[in-house]
C-alpha atoms as a PDB file:
ATOM      1  CA  MET A   1      -5.409 -12.377   5.933  1.00  0.00           C
ATOM      2  CA  THR A   2      -2.518  -9.972   5.075  1.00  0.00           C
ATOM      3  CA  ARG A   3      -0.939 -10.761   1.797  1.00  0.00           C
ATOM      4  CA  ILE A   4       2.816 -10.541   1.028  1.00  0.00           C
ATOM      5  CA  LEU A   5       4.548 -10.880  -2.203  1.00  0.00           C
ATOM      6  CA  VAL A   6       8.062 -11.984  -2.351  1.00  0.00           C
ATOM      7  CA  VAL A   7      10.046 -11.276  -5.430  1.00  0.00           C
ATOM      8  CA  GLU A   8      13.248 -13.028  -4.787  1.00  0.00           C
ATOM      9  CA  ASP A   9      15.089 -15.117  -7.440  1.00  0.00           C
ATOM     10  CA  ASN A  10      17.429 -17.131  -4.810  1.00  0.00           C
ATOM     11  CA  PRO A  11      15.174 -20.469  -4.099  1.00  0.00           C
ATOM     12  CA  ASP A  12      16.765 -20.977  -0.633  1.00  0.00           C
ATOM     13  CA  LEU A  13      16.217 -17.425   0.499  1.00  0.00           C
ATOM     14  CA  ALA A  14      12.573 -17.175  -0.949  1.00  0.00           C
ATOM     15  CA  TYR A  15      11.772 -20.705   0.793  1.00  0.00           C
ATOM     16  CA  GLY A  16      13.215 -19.377   3.999  1.00  0.00           C
ATOM     17  CA  LEU A  17      11.317 -16.139   3.766  1.00  0.00           C
ATOM     18  CA  ARG A  18       8.096 -17.882   2.685  1.00  0.00           C
ATOM     19  CA  ASN A  19       8.192 -20.337   5.860  1.00  0.00           C
ATOM     20  CA  ASN A  20       9.076 -17.628   8.350  1.00  0.00           C
ATOM     21  CA  LEU A  21       6.140 -15.416   7.124  1.00  0.00           C
ATOM     22  CA  GLU A  22       3.715 -18.071   6.806  1.00  0.00           C
ATOM     23  CA  ILE A  23       4.445 -18.910  10.282  1.00  0.00           C
ATOM     24  CA  GLU A  24       3.780 -15.603  11.446  1.00  0.00           C
ATOM     25  CA  GLY A  25       0.262 -15.705   9.782  1.00  0.00           C
ATOM     26  CA  TYR A  26       0.771 -13.884   6.590  1.00  0.00           C
ATOM     27  CA  GLU A  27      -0.654 -15.194   3.036  1.00  0.00           C
ATOM     28  CA  VAL A  28       2.815 -15.273   0.928  1.00  0.00           C
ATOM     29  CA  GLU A  29       3.249 -15.620  -2.871  1.00  0.00           C
ATOM     30  CA  VAL A  30       6.936 -15.935  -4.212  1.00  0.00           C
ATOM     31  CA  VAL A  31       8.100 -15.215  -7.737  1.00  0.00           C
ATOM     32  CA  GLU A  32      11.631 -15.367  -8.945  1.00  0.00           C
ATOM     33  CA  ASP A  33      12.080 -12.691 -11.815  1.00  0.00           C
ATOM     34  CA  GLY A  34      11.126  -8.969 -11.754  1.00  0.00           C
ATOM     35  CA  SER A  35       8.623  -9.026 -14.811  1.00  0.00           C
ATOM     36  CA  GLU A  36       6.229 -11.728 -13.168  1.00  0.00           C
ATOM     37  CA  GLY A  37       6.883  -9.812  -9.681  1.00  0.00           C
ATOM     38  CA  LEU A  38       5.429  -6.573 -11.450  1.00  0.00           C
ATOM     39  CA  THR A  39       2.765  -8.655 -13.255  1.00  0.00           C
ATOM     40  CA  ARG A  40       1.574 -10.391  -9.655  1.00  0.00           C
ATOM     41  CA  ALA A  41       1.879  -7.038  -7.849  1.00  0.00           C
ATOM     42  CA  ARG A  42      -0.607  -5.281 -10.408  1.00  0.00           C
ATOM     43  CA  ALA A  43      -2.934  -8.205 -10.383  1.00  0.00           C
ATOM     44  CA  GLY A  44      -2.905  -9.408  -6.916  1.00  0.00           C
ATOM     45  CA  GLY A  45      -2.837  -5.988  -4.991  1.00  0.00           C
ATOM     46  CA  PRO A  46      -0.692  -7.519  -2.200  1.00  0.00           C
ATOM     47  CA  ASP A  47      -0.650  -5.412   1.382  1.00  0.00           C
ATOM     48  CA  LEU A  48       3.219  -5.572   1.230  1.00  0.00           C
ATOM     49  CA  ILE A  49       5.979  -6.421  -1.119  1.00  0.00           C
ATOM     50  CA  ILE A  50       9.489  -7.786  -0.464  1.00  0.00           C
ATOM     51  CA  LEU A  51      11.504  -6.818  -3.401  1.00  0.00           C
ATOM     52  CA  ASP A  52      14.927  -8.100  -4.345  1.00  0.00           C
ATOM     53  CA  LEU A  53      16.947  -5.389  -6.367  1.00  0.00           C
ATOM     54  CA  MET A  54      19.303  -7.646  -8.420  1.00  0.00           C
ATOM     55  CA  LEU A  55      16.486  -9.864 -10.101  1.00  0.00           C
ATOM     56  CA  PRO A  56      16.710 -11.385 -13.935  1.00  0.00           C
ATOM     57  CA  GLY A  57      14.113 -10.058 -16.407  1.00  0.00           C
ATOM     58  CA  LEU A  58      13.469  -6.756 -14.878  1.00  0.00           C
ATOM     59  CA  ASP A  59      15.511  -5.589 -11.761  1.00  0.00           C
ATOM     60  CA  GLY A  60      13.995  -4.387  -8.656  1.00  0.00           C
ATOM     61  CA  TYR A  61      14.434  -0.580  -9.410  1.00  0.00           C
ATOM     62  CA  ARG A  62      12.460  -0.721 -12.686  1.00  0.00           C
ATOM     63  CA  VAL A  63       9.776  -2.747 -10.833  1.00  0.00           C
ATOM     64  CA  LEU A  64       9.527  -0.181  -7.995  1.00  0.00           C
ATOM     65  CA  ARG A  65       9.506   2.660 -10.318  1.00  0.00           C
ATOM     66  CA  ALA A  66       6.818   1.234 -12.407  1.00  0.00           C
ATOM     67  CA  LEU A  67       4.615   0.676  -9.249  1.00  0.00           C
ATOM     68  CA  ARG A  68       4.980   4.173  -8.035  1.00  0.00           C
ATOM     69  CA  ASP A  69       4.588   5.666 -11.350  1.00  0.00           C
ATOM     70  CA  GLU A  70       1.144   3.732 -11.512  1.00  0.00           C
ATOM     71  CA  GLY A  71       0.258   5.096  -8.244  1.00  0.00           C
ATOM     72  CA  ARG A  72       0.495   1.797  -6.396  1.00  0.00           C
ATOM     73  CA  ARG A  73       1.092   2.887  -2.706  1.00  0.00           C
ATOM     74  CA  MET A  74       1.456  -0.710  -0.966  1.00  0.00           C
ATOM     75  CA  PRO A  75       4.556  -0.452   1.248  1.00  0.00           C
ATOM     76  CA  VAL A  76       7.785  -2.010  -0.425  1.00  0.00           C
ATOM     77  CA  LEU A  77      10.548  -3.562   1.555  1.00  0.00           C
ATOM     78  CA  ILE A  78      13.665  -3.892  -0.639  1.00  0.00           C
ATOM     79  CA  LEU A  79      16.413  -6.420  -0.103  1.00  0.00           C
ATOM     80  CA  THR A  80      19.924  -5.830  -1.196  1.00  0.00           C
ATOM     81  CA  ALA A  81      23.139  -7.619  -1.132  1.00  0.00           C
ATOM     82  CA  ARG A  82      24.967  -4.118  -2.047  1.00  0.00           C
ATOM     83  CA  GLY A  83      26.987  -2.291   0.602  1.00  0.00           C
ATOM     84  CA  GLU A  84      26.823   1.077  -1.243  1.00  0.00           C
ATOM     85  CA  GLU A  85      24.839   3.441   0.538  1.00  0.00           C
ATOM     86  CA  ALA A  86      23.970   4.985  -3.085  1.00  0.00           C
ATOM     87  CA  ASP A  87      22.222   2.061  -4.022  1.00  0.00           C
ATOM     88  CA  LYS A  88      19.995   2.022  -0.787  1.00  0.00           C
ATOM     89  CA  VAL A  89      19.360   5.595  -1.400  1.00  0.00           C
ATOM     90  CA  ARG A  90      18.314   5.143  -5.027  1.00  0.00           C
ATOM     91  CA  GLY A  91      15.702   2.599  -3.769  1.00  0.00           C
ATOM     92  CA  LEU A  92      14.166   5.078  -1.314  1.00  0.00           C
ATOM     93  CA  ARG A  93      14.310   7.824  -3.738  1.00  0.00           C
ATOM     94  CA  LEU A  94      12.230   5.546  -6.230  1.00  0.00           C
ATOM     95  CA  GLY A  95       9.493   4.920  -3.280  1.00  0.00           C
ATOM     96  CA  ALA A  96      10.901   2.043  -1.231  1.00  0.00           C
ATOM     97  CA  ASP A  97       9.567   2.079   2.472  1.00  0.00           C
ATOM     98  CA  ASP A  98      12.516   0.454   3.987  1.00  0.00           C
ATOM     99  CA  TYR A  99      15.405  -1.901   3.116  1.00  0.00           C
ATOM    100  CA  VAL A 100      17.323  -4.954   4.559  1.00  0.00           C
ATOM    101  CA  THR A 101      20.816  -5.650   3.340  1.00  0.00           C
ATOM    102  CA  LYS A 102      21.780  -9.279   3.211  1.00  0.00           C
ATOM    103  CA  PRO A 103      22.692 -11.270   4.888  1.00  0.00           C
ATOM    104  CA  PHE A 104      19.948 -10.276   7.681  1.00  0.00           C
ATOM    105  CA  GLY A 105      18.396 -11.844  10.431  1.00  0.00           C
ATOM    106  CA  VAL A 106      14.768 -13.174  10.309  1.00  0.00           C
ATOM    107  CA  LEU A 107      13.544 -11.455  13.294  1.00  0.00           C
ATOM    108  CA  GLU A 108      14.833  -8.215  12.153  1.00  0.00           C
ATOM    109  CA  LEU A 109      13.205  -8.473   8.647  1.00  0.00           C
ATOM    110  CA  LEU A 110       9.938  -9.767  10.614  1.00  0.00           C
ATOM    111  CA  ALA A 111      10.153  -6.736  12.707  1.00  0.00           C
ATOM    112  CA  ARG A 112      10.121  -4.391   9.850  1.00  0.00           C
ATOM    113  CA  VAL A 113       7.588  -6.064   7.957  1.00  0.00           C
ATOM    114  CA  GLU A 114       5.190  -5.934  10.960  1.00  0.00           C
ATOM    115  CA  ALA A 115       6.365  -2.046  11.492  1.00  0.00           C
ATOM    116  CA  LEU A 116       5.450  -1.309   7.881  1.00  0.00           C
ATOM    117  CA  LEU A 117       1.967  -3.069   8.063  1.00  0.00           C
ATOM    118  CA  ARG A 118       1.262  -1.424  11.295  1.00  0.00           C
ATOM    119  CA  ARG A 119       2.135   2.235  10.019  1.00  0.00           C
ATOM    120  CA  THR A 120       0.075   1.702   6.804  1.00  0.00           C
ATOM    121  CA  ALA A 121      -3.032  -0.093   8.502  1.00  0.00           C
ATOM    122  CA  PRO A 122      -6.334   1.944   8.377  1.00  0.00           C
ATOM    123  CA  SER A 123      -6.744   3.593  11.975  1.00  0.00           C
ATOM    124  CA  GLY A 124      -9.773   2.405  13.797  1.00  0.00           C
ATOM    125  CA  GLY A 125     -10.127   5.789  15.715  1.00  0.00           C
ATOM    126  CA  GLY A 126     -11.749   9.152  14.308  1.00  0.00           C
ATOM    127  CA  ALA A 127      -9.964  10.688  11.591  1.00  0.00           C
ATOM    128  CA  ALA A 128      -8.021  14.017  11.925  1.00  0.00           C
ATOM    129  CA  PRO A 129      -9.252  17.003   9.972  1.00  0.00           C
ATOM    130  CA  PRO A 130      -7.676  18.190   7.002  1.00  0.00           C
ATOM    131  CA  GLU A 131      -4.843  20.350   7.352  1.00  0.00           C
ATOM    132  CA  GLN A 132      -3.407  23.294   4.960  1.00  0.00           C
ATOM    133  CA  PHE A 133      -0.138  24.604   4.284  1.00  0.00           C
ATOM    134  CA  GLY A 134       0.408  27.096   1.355  1.00  0.00           C
ATOM    135  CA  VAL A 135      -1.317  25.516  -1.731  1.00  0.00           C
ATOM    136  CA  ILE A 136      -0.936  22.011  -0.041  1.00  0.00           C
ATOM    137  CA  GLU A 137      -4.104  20.113   1.393  1.00  0.00           C
ATOM    138  CA  VAL A 138      -3.459  17.158   3.759  1.00  0.00           C
ATOM    139  CA  ILE A 139      -6.618  14.890   4.083  1.00  0.00           C
ATOM    140  CA  PRO A 140      -5.393  12.149   6.896  1.00  0.00           C
ATOM    141  CA  ALA A 141      -8.808  10.254   6.354  1.00  0.00           C
ATOM    142  CA  SER A 142      -8.160   9.263   2.888  1.00  0.00           C
ATOM    143  CA  ARG A 143      -4.444   9.605   3.015  1.00  0.00           C
ATOM    144  CA  THR A 144      -4.480  12.251   0.342  1.00  0.00           C
ATOM    145  CA  VAL A 145      -2.376  15.132  -0.302  1.00  0.00           C
ATOM    146  CA  LEU A 146      -3.641  17.962  -2.851  1.00  0.00           C
ATOM    147  CA  ARG A 147      -1.385  20.689  -4.522  1.00  0.00           C
ATOM    148  CA  ASP A 148      -3.732  23.200  -6.001  1.00  0.00           C
ATOM    149  CA  GLY A 149      -6.256  20.667  -5.693  1.00  0.00           C
ATOM    150  CA  ARG A 150      -4.445  18.188  -7.816  1.00  0.00           C
ATOM    151  CA  PRO A 151      -3.718  14.926  -5.798  1.00  0.00           C
ATOM    152  CA  VAL A 152       0.076  14.404  -5.439  1.00  0.00           C
ATOM    153  CA  GLY A 153       1.327  10.823  -5.393  1.00  0.00           C
ATOM    154  CA  LEU A 154       3.319  10.146  -2.133  1.00  0.00           C
ATOM    155  CA  THR A 155       4.477   6.920  -0.842  1.00  0.00           C
ATOM    156  CA  PRO A 156       3.029   5.392   2.567  1.00  0.00           C
ATOM    157  CA  LYS A 157       6.171   6.399   4.419  1.00  0.00           C
ATOM    158  CA  GLU A 158       6.216  10.174   2.771  1.00  0.00           C
ATOM    159  CA  PHE A 159       2.822  10.551   3.913  1.00  0.00           C
ATOM    160  CA  ASP A 160       3.330   9.552   7.263  1.00  0.00           C
ATOM    161  CA  LEU A 161       6.669  11.433   7.542  1.00  0.00           C
ATOM    162  CA  LEU A 162       4.344  14.678   6.260  1.00  0.00           C
ATOM    163  CA  LEU A 163       1.775  13.682   8.929  1.00  0.00           C
ATOM    164  CA  ALA A 164       4.287  13.323  11.836  1.00  0.00           C
ATOM    165  CA  LEU A 165       5.682  17.109  10.908  1.00  0.00           C
ATOM    166  CA  LEU A 166       2.395  18.369  10.829  1.00  0.00           C
ATOM    167  CA  GLN A 167       1.083  16.920  14.144  1.00  0.00           C
ATOM    168  CA  ARG A 168       3.932  18.733  15.983  1.00  0.00           C
ATOM    169  CA  ARG A 169       2.619  22.287  15.067  1.00  0.00           C
ATOM    170  CA  GLY A 170       5.723  23.811  14.040  1.00  0.00           C
ATOM    171  CA  ALA A 171       7.835  22.046  16.759  1.00  0.00           C
ATOM    172  CA  VAL A 172      11.105  20.520  15.834  1.00  0.00           C
ATOM    173  CA  ALA A 173      11.224  16.636  15.077  1.00  0.00           C
ATOM    174  CA  THR A 174      14.681  15.127  15.373  1.00  0.00           C
ATOM    175  CA  ARG A 175      15.777  12.523  12.982  1.00  0.00           C
ATOM    176  CA  MET A 176      15.487   9.880  15.796  1.00  0.00           C
ATOM    177  CA  GLU A 177      11.977  10.612  16.523  1.00  0.00           C
ATOM    178  CA  LEU A 178      11.005  10.612  12.994  1.00  0.00           C
ATOM    179  CA  LEU A 179      12.903   7.099  12.573  1.00  0.00           C
ATOM    180  CA  THR A 180      11.010   5.782  15.510  1.00  0.00           C
ATOM    181  CA  GLU A 181       7.623   7.298  14.809  1.00  0.00           C
ATOM    182  CA  VAL A 182       7.440   6.770  11.008  1.00  0.00           C
ATOM    183  CA  TRP A 183       9.488   3.672  10.577  1.00  0.00           C
ATOM    184  CA  GLY A 184       8.356   2.236  13.613  1.00  0.00           C
ATOM    185  CA  TYR A 185      11.608   0.997  15.392  1.00  0.00           C
ATOM    186  CA  SER A 186      14.584   2.610  16.950  1.00  0.00           C
ATOM    187  CA  ALA A 187      17.373   0.831  15.447  1.00  0.00           C
ATOM    188  CA  ALA A 188      20.434   2.914  13.617  1.00  0.00           C
ATOM    189  CA  VAL A 189      19.065   2.572  10.193  1.00  0.00           C
ATOM    190  CA  LEU A 190      20.668   4.176   7.174  1.00  0.00           C
ATOM    191  CA  SER A 191      21.349   7.597   8.480  1.00  0.00           C
ATOM    192  CA  ARG A 192      19.991   9.173   5.118  1.00  0.00           C
ATOM    193  CA  THR A 193      16.655   7.565   5.501  1.00  0.00           C
ATOM    194  CA  VAL A 194      14.835  10.403   7.015  1.00  0.00           C
ATOM    195  CA  ASP A 195      16.797  13.086   4.789  1.00  0.00           C
ATOM    196  CA  THR A 196      15.770  11.189   1.587  1.00  0.00           C
ATOM    197  CA  HIS A 197      12.204  11.190   2.187  1.00  0.00           C
ATOM    198  CA  VAL A 198      12.448  15.034   3.297  1.00  0.00           C
ATOM    199  CA  ALA A 199      14.035  15.575   0.045  1.00  0.00           C
ATOM    200  CA  GLU A 200      11.177  13.899  -1.859  1.00  0.00           C
ATOM    201  CA  LEU A 201       8.585  15.563   0.080  1.00  0.00           C
ATOM    202  CA  ARG A 202      10.241  19.099  -0.814  1.00  0.00           C
ATOM    203  CA  ARG A 203      10.436  17.853  -4.336  1.00  0.00           C
ATOM    204  CA  LYS A 204       6.723  16.901  -4.713  1.00  0.00           C
ATOM    205  CA  LEU A 205       5.328  19.803  -2.370  1.00  0.00           C
ATOM    206  CA  GLU A 206       7.183  22.910  -2.298  1.00  0.00           C
ATOM    207  CA  GLY A 207       7.453  25.361  -5.139  1.00  0.00           C
ATOM    208  CA  ASP A 208      11.396  25.710  -4.817  1.00  0.00           C
ATOM    209  CA  PRO A 209      12.758  22.262  -3.169  1.00  0.00           C
ATOM    210  CA  ALA A 210      15.907  24.131  -3.069  1.00  0.00           C
ATOM    211  CA  ALA A 211      14.658  26.975  -1.072  1.00  0.00           C
ATOM    212  CA  PRO A 212      11.767  25.510   0.775  1.00  0.00           C
ATOM    213  CA  ARG A 213       9.198  27.590   2.706  1.00  0.00           C
ATOM    214  CA  HIS A 214       7.423  24.795   4.661  1.00  0.00           C
ATOM    215  CA  ILE A 215       9.315  21.853   5.165  1.00  0.00           C
ATOM    216  CA  LEU A 216      12.360  23.522   7.117  1.00  0.00           C
ATOM    217  CA  THR A 217      15.812  21.920   8.241  1.00  0.00           C
ATOM    218  CA  VAL A 218      16.849  22.939  11.815  1.00  0.00           C
ATOM    219  CA  ARG A 219      20.468  22.583  11.806  1.00  0.00           C
ATOM    220  CA  LYS A 220      22.057  20.095  14.176  1.00  0.00           C
ATOM    221  CA  ALA A 221      18.269  19.354  15.294  1.00  0.00           C
ATOM    222  CA  GLY A 222      16.182  17.850  12.692  1.00  0.00           C
ATOM    223  CA  TYR A 223      12.977  19.378  10.616  1.00  0.00           C
ATOM    224  CA  ARG A 224       9.915  21.459  11.350  1.00  0.00           C
ATOM    225  CA  LEU A 225       6.742  22.210   9.158  1.00  0.00           C
ATOM    226  CA  GLU A 226       6.031  25.933   8.982  1.00  0.00           C
ATOM    227  CA  LYS A 227       2.567  26.614   7.586  1.00  0.00           C
END
């Protein structure tokens, strides 16, 4: 059974999330502060985390940073009541895979949870062969990326985005195509989502992120990967 950890200090919201997720067949654990959430994420190895940003003890940003710094790659969906785009972008830059702004509809949240789990589930088909560009090697079978032979820690969404660009063999991918393919839905989510993840890929994989040689912007169109 798929296990979901909910880290939310509002008891009414946490109760509603647990009920709706359990109705969908998920096994759900709820904790109400960031420190306990980090402990349970480390110990329980959930398949997905729903993480509020404003938490007692340890805020969601620090929980997220700690998990990603430790190399834990389970998808993380952040919940925020903040309306500022900068707060959402900060969460995405720290390694969140998606976000929902409070108040949100239950059906929207369930759709995003399903999309995240679907995108990170092991593939039942034959694994694609390794790919290489510059000093970067991408191994789809193990979802591993190497730079000069050393592992690079990518979030699940960063890896999926890189794979989507690679599979186009140099062709341009529009932002909407990437949102639909990588995030699993076509709703008009945060306009900076794709851009933020591309910036993180460049930071981790390019020799000079400010002048990338491989992950290129195509003005007024989208992005493409040049080998």
